[in-house]
Amino acid sequence: MTNPRRKIEKFCYEHPRFGVPNLMRYIVIANVAFWLLGAVNPVLMNYLLFNPALILRGQIWRLVSFVFFPPSTGILAFIAFYFYYWIGSTLENQWGTGQFTIYFFSGVILTILYGFLIYFITGRPVSLSSTYIYLSMFFSFAALFPDMQVLFLFIIPVKMKVLALVDAAFFLLSVITTPFPGNLLPVVAILNFLIFCGAELKAMLPRRQSRSTVDFKRESARIRREQRDKLYTHKCAVCGRTDTDYPDLEFRYCSRCAGYHCFCSEHINNHIHFTE
């Protein structure tokens, strides 16, 4: 079965101008605008949520406006705005504009499909916001940068992988405590995350080998076996692109990484160095 992520990467490579540059900047600006609107008249916020019954009655703006529903309320909302802007901008720099645009809007489309499907099956309208889209985006960031530290409460340094565990607990709690079929929405968000970050999530799992030194002969032999089996010579350790799929792409090895790791020209100077 073809990896969906590989198809997305190939599409973006073949269409370098695809996507919305600085997408999160526009999303956050809209979030702030709607937050101000809610501060003036909180009742107006009810007109932003996704509601399939009302959409079918002509309120089609809800197909878009729910994306701009603020992820938090009060003054703390501005912390959330900055946090998600930082995460989104970093993901765009890591993946490229095209992949991040597809990632964000695939989460939007999955949420819309979920809302309509549940409405047609149960006959009960569901009001949805973009909460799980943002949480899934954070989960992807944590998978890519698990050891990056942030200051919790602006004081306590916490690694992203620790916050990701809290995020995972939130998802699990939502699935358990929310009545069916509302508990399926977190699962929909997780599907979007797994398509893009399944490989990174697998890399975060504990491994049996825990040596602090690298056996270069064994590593080079493993790479040669992998190259022989998968019919390529070079593969980027960040995005997974190979010289077979992208023959015009340049690949190099990083001298600062511990081990035998190859990177494409896009990520040779833009990756977290391997330490083990």
Protein backbone atom coordinates (compact mmCIF):
# COMPACT_ATOMS: atom_id res chain seq x y z
CA MET A 1 0.00 0.00 0.00
CA THR A 2 1.34 3.42 -0.94
CA ASN A 3 2.11 5.72 1.96
CA PRO A 4 -0.27 8.75 1.80
CA ARG A 5 2.48 10.96 3.24
CA ARG A 6 4.78 9.98 0.38
CA LYS A 7 2.14 10.98 -2.16
CA ILE A 8 1.68 14.33 -0.42
CA GLU A 9 5.43 14.97 -0.40
CA LYS A 10 5.71 14.09 -4.07
CA PHE A 11 2.77 16.35 -4.97
CA CYS A 12 4.30 19.29 -3.07
CA TYR A 13 7.70 18.68 -4.63
CA GLU A 14 6.15 18.72 -8.11
CA HIS A 15 4.07 21.84 -7.27
CA PRO A 16 6.45 24.07 -5.26
CA ARG A 17 4.09 27.07 -5.36
CA PHE A 18 1.15 25.17 -3.87
CA GLY A 19 -0.06 26.27 -0.44
CA VAL A 20 -0.72 29.39 1.59
CA PRO A 21 2.50 31.01 2.86
CA ASN A 22 2.33 32.07 6.51
CA LEU A 23 -1.03 30.34 6.88
CA MET A 24 -1.01 30.46 10.69
CA ARG A 25 -0.50 34.23 10.60
CA TYR A 26 -3.84 34.65 8.84
CA ILE A 27 -5.51 32.07 11.08
CA VAL A 28 -4.34 33.82 14.24
CA ILE A 29 -5.33 37.27 12.94
CA ALA A 30 -8.83 35.92 12.29
CA ASN A 31 -8.84 34.32 15.75
CA VAL A 32 -8.01 37.64 17.37
CA ALA A 33 -10.70 39.42 15.32
CA PHE A 34 -13.37 36.92 16.38
CA TRP A 35 -12.13 37.04 19.98
CA LEU A 36 -12.69 40.81 19.95
CA LEU A 37 -16.10 40.23 18.39
CA GLY A 38 -16.99 37.83 21.20
CA ALA A 39 -15.76 40.27 23.82
CA VAL A 40 -18.16 42.90 22.44
CA ASN A 41 -21.11 40.51 22.11
CA PRO A 42 -20.64 36.89 23.30
CA VAL A 43 -23.89 35.82 21.62
CA LEU A 44 -22.28 36.39 18.22
CA MET A 45 -19.82 33.56 18.91
CA ASN A 46 -22.68 31.07 18.52
CA TYR A 47 -22.83 32.02 14.86
CA LEU A 48 -19.28 30.79 14.27
CA LEU A 49 -19.58 27.15 15.32
CA PHE A 50 -19.97 24.38 12.77
CA ASN A 51 -23.58 23.15 12.75
CA PRO A 52 -24.69 20.96 9.81
CA ALA A 53 -28.40 21.60 10.34
CA LEU A 54 -27.94 25.37 10.17
CA ILE A 55 -25.50 25.08 7.26
CA LEU A 56 -28.12 23.19 5.24
CA ARG A 57 -30.55 26.02 6.04
CA GLY A 58 -28.27 28.53 4.36
CA GLN A 59 -25.71 29.54 7.01
CA ILE A 60 -22.86 28.34 4.81
CA TRP A 61 -20.30 30.64 6.45
CA ARG A 62 -20.15 28.11 9.29
CA LEU A 63 -18.15 25.83 6.95
CA VAL A 64 -15.27 28.29 7.37
CA SER A 65 -15.97 30.37 10.47
CA PHE A 66 -15.61 27.47 12.93
CA VAL A 67 -11.91 27.32 12.00
CA PHE A 68 -11.48 30.82 13.43
CA PHE A 69 -13.30 30.10 16.68
CA PRO A 70 -10.81 31.11 19.42
CA PRO A 71 -9.17 28.08 21.08
CA SER A 72 -9.46 29.79 24.47
CA THR A 73 -11.32 32.63 26.16
CA GLY A 74 -10.27 35.59 28.28
CA ILE A 75 -6.79 37.05 28.35
CA LEU A 76 -5.27 33.55 28.27
CA ALA A 77 -6.49 33.31 24.69
CA PHE A 78 -3.59 35.51 23.56
CA ILE A 79 -1.12 33.00 25.01
CA ALA A 80 -2.87 30.29 23.00
CA PHE A 81 -2.78 32.49 19.88
CA TYR A 82 0.96 32.98 20.18
CA PHE A 83 1.60 29.31 21.03
CA TYR A 84 -0.29 27.97 18.03
CA TYR A 85 1.21 30.60 15.73
CA TRP A 86 4.68 29.47 16.83
CA ILE A 87 3.82 25.80 16.37
CA GLY A 88 2.21 26.32 12.97
CA SER A 89 5.05 28.49 11.68
CA THR A 90 7.61 25.93 12.81
CA LEU A 91 5.72 23.08 11.14
CA GLU A 92 5.52 25.10 7.92
CA ASN A 93 9.28 25.70 8.02
CA GLN A 94 9.88 22.00 8.68
CA TRP A 95 7.49 20.51 6.14
CA GLY A 96 7.21 23.32 3.64
CA THR A 97 4.25 25.54 2.83
CA GLY A 98 2.46 22.96 0.68
CA GLN A 99 2.55 20.11 3.19
CA PHE A 100 1.52 22.28 6.12
CA THR A 101 -1.38 23.74 4.11
CA ILE A 102 -2.57 20.22 3.25
CA TYR A 103 -2.13 19.13 6.86
CA PHE A 104 -4.19 21.98 8.31
CA PHE A 105 -7.02 21.85 5.78
CA SER A 106 -7.19 18.06 5.79
CA GLY A 107 -7.98 18.38 9.49
CA VAL A 108 -10.66 20.93 8.63
CA ILE A 109 -12.15 18.69 5.93
CA LEU A 110 -12.13 15.63 8.21
CA THR A 111 -13.96 17.63 10.88
CA ILE A 112 -16.58 18.81 8.35
CA LEU A 113 -17.12 15.29 7.02
CA TYR A 114 -17.44 13.98 10.57
CA GLY A 115 -20.02 16.64 11.45
CA PHE A 116 -22.21 15.93 8.42
CA LEU A 117 -21.86 12.16 8.74
CA ILE A 118 -22.96 12.18 12.37
CA TYR A 119 -25.85 14.50 11.51
CA PHE A 120 -27.10 12.28 8.66
CA ILE A 121 -26.78 9.11 10.76
CA THR A 122 -28.29 10.33 14.03
CA GLY A 123 -30.40 13.26 12.85
CA ARG A 124 -28.94 15.35 15.68
CA PRO A 125 -26.84 18.41 14.78
CA VAL A 126 -23.45 18.74 16.42
CA SER A 127 -21.71 22.06 17.13
CA LEU A 128 -17.99 21.82 16.43
CA SER A 129 -15.02 24.16 16.80
CA SER A 130 -11.42 23.77 15.68
CA THR A 131 -10.15 22.66 19.11
CA TYR A 132 -9.01 19.21 18.01
CA ILE A 133 -7.41 20.58 14.84
CA TYR A 134 -5.11 22.71 16.98
CA LEU A 135 -4.46 19.91 19.46
CA SER A 136 -3.55 17.54 16.64
CA MET A 137 -1.20 20.21 15.27
CA PHE A 138 0.50 20.41 18.66
CA PHE A 139 0.81 16.62 18.73
CA SER A 140 2.60 16.72 15.36
CA PHE A 141 4.99 19.38 16.65
CA ALA A 142 5.81 17.26 19.71
CA ALA A 143 6.48 14.22 17.50
CA LEU A 144 8.92 16.21 15.36
CA PHE A 145 10.64 18.01 18.26
CA PRO A 146 10.16 15.79 21.34
CA ASP A 147 13.14 17.17 23.28
CA MET A 148 12.45 20.85 22.67
CA GLN A 149 11.73 22.69 25.92
CA VAL A 150 9.13 25.34 26.65
CA LEU A 151 8.57 27.31 29.84
CA PHE A 152 5.38 26.11 31.48
CA LEU A 153 3.78 29.06 33.30
CA PHE A 154 6.82 31.01 31.98
CA ILE A 155 8.91 29.43 34.74
CA ILE A 156 9.15 25.62 34.58
CA PRO A 157 11.07 24.10 31.61
CA VAL A 158 9.14 21.16 30.19
CA LYS A 159 9.98 19.00 27.19
CA MET A 160 7.51 18.76 24.36
CA LYS A 161 7.20 14.99 24.69
CA VAL A 162 5.97 15.46 28.27
CA LEU A 163 3.33 17.94 27.14
CA ALA A 164 2.44 15.51 24.35
CA LEU A 165 1.62 12.86 26.94
CA VAL A 166 -0.77 15.33 28.56
CA ASP A 167 -2.24 16.01 25.13
CA ALA A 168 -2.65 12.25 24.55
CA ALA A 169 -4.36 11.90 27.93
CA PHE A 170 -6.76 14.70 26.93
CA PHE A 171 -7.61 12.86 23.71
CA LEU A 172 -8.11 9.57 25.55
CA LEU A 173 -10.25 11.19 28.24
CA SER A 174 -12.40 12.81 25.56
CA VAL A 175 -12.94 9.46 23.84
CA ILE A 176 -13.90 7.77 27.12
CA THR A 177 -16.10 10.44 28.69
CA THR A 178 -17.87 11.91 25.64
CA PRO A 179 -21.05 10.05 24.62
CA PHE A 180 -21.07 8.27 21.27
CA PRO A 181 -20.80 9.45 18.50
CA GLY A 182 -19.26 12.68 19.80
CA ASN A 183 -16.26 10.74 21.08
CA LEU A 184 -15.21 9.96 17.51
CA LEU A 185 -14.04 13.51 16.81
CA PRO A 186 -10.71 13.13 18.69
CA VAL A 187 -10.13 9.92 16.71
CA VAL A 188 -10.66 11.85 13.47
CA ALA A 189 -8.00 14.35 14.56
CA ILE A 190 -5.61 11.53 15.42
CA LEU A 191 -6.04 10.06 11.92
CA ASN A 192 -4.80 13.30 10.41
CA PHE A 193 -1.82 13.24 12.77
CA LEU A 194 -0.93 9.62 11.99
CA ILE A 195 -0.88 10.26 8.23
CA PHE A 196 1.74 12.96 8.61
CA CYS A 197 3.67 11.91 11.70
CA GLY A 198 3.33 8.13 11.93
CA ALA A 199 7.03 7.64 11.19
CA GLU A 200 8.08 10.19 13.83
CA LEU A 201 5.74 8.59 16.38
CA LYS A 202 7.29 5.19 15.70
CA ALA A 203 10.76 6.67 16.18
CA MET A 204 9.73 7.96 19.63
CA LEU A 205 8.90 4.46 20.87
CA PRO A 206 11.48 2.85 23.20
CA ARG A 207 14.14 0.74 21.53
CA ARG A 208 16.02 -2.22 22.92
CA GLN A 209 19.41 -0.84 21.96
CA SER A 210 20.53 1.84 24.42
CA ARG A 211 24.25 2.16 23.72
CA SER A 212 25.70 5.65 23.89
CA THR A 213 28.19 4.85 21.10
CA VAL A 214 27.44 4.06 17.48
CA ASP A 215 28.75 1.01 15.64
CA PHE A 216 29.51 2.64 12.30
CA LYS A 217 30.13 -0.66 10.51
CA ARG A 218 26.80 -2.04 11.66
CA GLU A 219 25.01 1.20 10.77
CA SER A 220 26.52 1.31 7.29
CA ALA A 221 25.62 -2.35 6.75
CA ARG A 222 22.04 -1.62 7.82
CA ILE A 223 21.84 1.32 5.42
CA ARG A 224 23.18 -0.81 2.57
CA ARG A 225 20.60 -3.54 3.28
CA GLU A 226 17.83 -0.95 3.36
CA GLN A 227 19.05 0.59 0.12
CA ARG A 228 19.17 -2.81 -1.58
CA ASP A 229 15.69 -3.78 -0.40
CA LYS A 230 14.03 -0.44 -1.19
CA LEU A 231 15.90 0.32 -4.43
CA TYR A 232 17.29 3.72 -3.55
CA THR A 233 20.72 5.12 -2.71
CA HIS A 234 19.88 8.09 -0.48
CA LYS A 235 16.95 8.77 1.85
CA CYS A 236 16.35 11.91 3.94
CA ALA A 237 16.16 11.10 7.65
CA VAL A 238 13.65 13.96 8.19
CA CYS A 239 11.11 13.88 5.36
CA GLY A 240 11.78 10.37 3.99
CA ARG A 241 12.25 11.47 0.38
CA THR A 242 14.60 9.29 -1.69
CA ASP A 243 16.70 9.81 -4.77
CA THR A 244 14.49 7.26 -6.54
CA ASP A 245 11.31 9.27 -6.02
CA TYR A 246 13.06 12.64 -6.44
CA PRO A 247 16.01 12.15 -8.82
CA ASP A 248 16.71 15.90 -9.07
CA LEU A 249 17.00 16.37 -5.30
CA GLU A 250 20.46 16.69 -3.73
CA PHE A 251 21.32 14.49 -0.70
CA ARG A 252 24.19 14.88 1.78
CA TYR A 253 25.36 13.38 5.07
CA CYS A 254 25.61 15.40 8.28
CA SER A 255 29.00 15.34 9.99
CA ARG A 256 27.54 16.67 13.26
CA CYS A 257 25.08 13.79 13.72
CA ALA A 258 26.09 10.68 15.63
CA GLY A 259 25.70 7.84 13.19
CA TYR A 260 25.21 7.51 9.47
CA HIS A 261 22.36 9.88 8.59
CA CYS A 262 21.50 11.31 5.18
CA PHE A 263 19.47 14.48 4.54
CA CYS A 264 18.02 16.20 1.50
CA SER A 265 19.17 19.71 0.59
CA GLU A 266 16.07 21.14 2.30
CA HIS A 267 16.89 19.57 5.66
CA ILE A 268 20.71 19.24 5.71
CA ASN A 269 20.92 22.57 7.56
CA ASN A 270 17.47 22.36 9.15
CA HIS A 271 17.23 19.32 11.42
CA ILE A 272 17.79 18.22 15.00
CA HIS A 273 21.12 16.41 15.19
CA PHE A 274 21.14 12.73 16.15
CA THR A 275 22.96 12.17 19.43
CA GLU A 276 22.77 8.37 19.62
